[in-house]
Amino acid sequence: MEYEITIDDTPNVITYHFLPATIPHEQRIKVIEGYMERATAIQNARMRRARQENIISMIQSMIFPPVILLCIGVAIRWVFLGFRGTPQGQN
């Protein structure tokens, strides 16, 4: 069976379709259009999930280090104050 290679060159995407050469042109176009809709939906879902993961990771890396440093600083101050709730002389 012979196959014909069709190249679909849309913006940012180059897709190669391997279809039997015996299929009429109109039917090939329908097959390609159906494939492209599904492929585009899958790619968009993957990109959306990757963006969400990157945003969550970025927010975590922006919030957690300062909070951890603040907790360490408060703990060190507490130790230097002698494990009391308030400094001496402020009772």
Protein backbone atom coordinates (compact mmCIF):
# COMPACT_ATOMS: atom_id res chain seq x y z
CA MET A 1 0.00 0.00 0.00
CA GLU A 2 1.36 3.44 -0.93
CA TYR A 3 1.28 6.31 1.52
CA GLU A 4 1.32 10.00 0.79
CA ILE A 5 2.83 12.52 3.16
CA THR A 6 0.80 15.67 3.70
CA ILE A 7 2.30 18.59 5.59
CA ASP A 8 0.02 20.91 7.55
CA ASP A 9 1.99 24.09 8.30
CA THR A 10 -0.12 26.15 10.71
CA PRO A 11 1.39 28.82 12.99
CA ASN A 12 3.76 27.26 15.55
CA VAL A 13 2.85 23.70 14.48
CA ILE A 14 4.07 21.50 11.65
CA THR A 15 2.23 18.20 11.38
CA TYR A 16 3.01 15.35 9.02
CA HIS A 17 0.09 13.14 8.04
CA PHE A 18 0.73 9.71 6.55
CA LEU A 19 -2.40 8.72 4.67
CA PRO A 20 -2.98 6.04 2.05
CA ALA A 21 -2.47 7.47 -1.43
CA THR A 22 -5.72 5.86 -2.59
CA ILE A 23 -7.92 8.08 -0.39
CA PRO A 24 -9.57 10.93 -2.31
CA HIS A 25 -8.37 14.45 -1.51
CA GLU A 26 -11.65 15.58 0.11
CA GLN A 27 -11.62 12.62 2.46
CA ARG A 28 -7.97 13.31 3.34
CA ILE A 29 -8.86 16.89 4.27
CA LYS A 30 -11.69 15.67 6.54
CA VAL A 31 -9.38 13.18 8.26
CA ILE A 32 -6.72 15.85 8.79
CA GLU A 33 -9.24 18.39 10.13
CA GLY A 34 -10.64 15.84 12.58
CA TYR A 35 -7.17 14.90 13.73
CA MET A 36 -6.05 18.50 14.13
CA GLU A 37 -9.01 19.38 16.38
CA ARG A 38 -8.23 16.49 18.73
CA ALA A 39 -4.47 17.07 18.64
CA THR A 40 -4.92 20.78 19.31
CA ALA A 41 -7.25 20.10 22.25
CA ILE A 42 -4.78 17.61 23.76
CA GLN A 43 -1.85 19.98 23.29
CA ASN A 44 -3.81 22.89 24.81
CA ALA A 45 -4.72 20.74 27.84
CA ARG A 46 -1.06 19.77 28.32
CA MET A 47 0.08 23.38 28.05
CA ARG A 48 -2.61 24.53 30.49
CA ARG A 49 -1.59 21.89 33.03
CA ALA A 50 2.11 22.78 32.63
CA ARG A 51 1.34 26.48 33.13
CA GLN A 52 -0.68 25.73 36.26
CA GLU A 53 2.12 23.59 37.69
CA ASN A 54 4.68 26.32 36.93
CA ILE A 55 2.52 29.00 38.56
CA ILE A 56 2.00 26.88 41.69
CA SER A 57 5.72 26.14 41.90
CA MET A 58 6.56 29.83 41.46
CA ILE A 59 4.12 30.89 44.18
CA GLN A 60 5.50 28.26 46.56
CA SER A 61 9.07 29.38 45.92
CA MET A 62 8.08 33.02 46.55
CA ILE A 63 6.12 32.44 49.78
CA PHE A 64 7.72 29.56 51.68
CA PRO A 65 11.37 30.74 51.98
CA PRO A 66 10.48 34.10 53.59
CA VAL A 67 8.01 32.41 55.96
CA ILE A 68 10.63 29.85 56.98
CA LEU A 69 13.24 32.58 57.56
CA LEU A 70 10.72 34.54 59.65
CA CYS A 71 10.00 31.47 61.79
CA ILE A 72 13.73 30.85 62.30
CA GLY A 73 14.26 34.48 63.27
CA VAL A 74 11.38 34.41 65.77
CA ALA A 75 12.72 31.17 67.27
CA ILE A 76 16.23 32.64 67.64
CA ARG A 77 14.82 35.76 69.31
CA TRP A 78 12.79 33.58 71.67
CA VAL A 79 15.95 31.66 72.63
CA PHE A 80 17.89 34.89 73.28
CA LEU A 81 15.05 36.18 75.48
CA GLY A 82 15.38 33.10 77.65
CA PHE A 83 12.27 31.24 76.43
CA ARG A 84 9.95 33.87 77.91
CA GLY A 85 6.84 35.21 76.25
CA THR A 86 7.78 38.88 76.83
CA PRO A 87 11.11 40.63 77.33
CA GLN A 88 12.20 41.48 80.90
CA GLY A 89 10.99 44.79 82.21
CA GLN A 90 7.83 44.89 80.10
CA ASN A 91 5.62 43.01 82.59
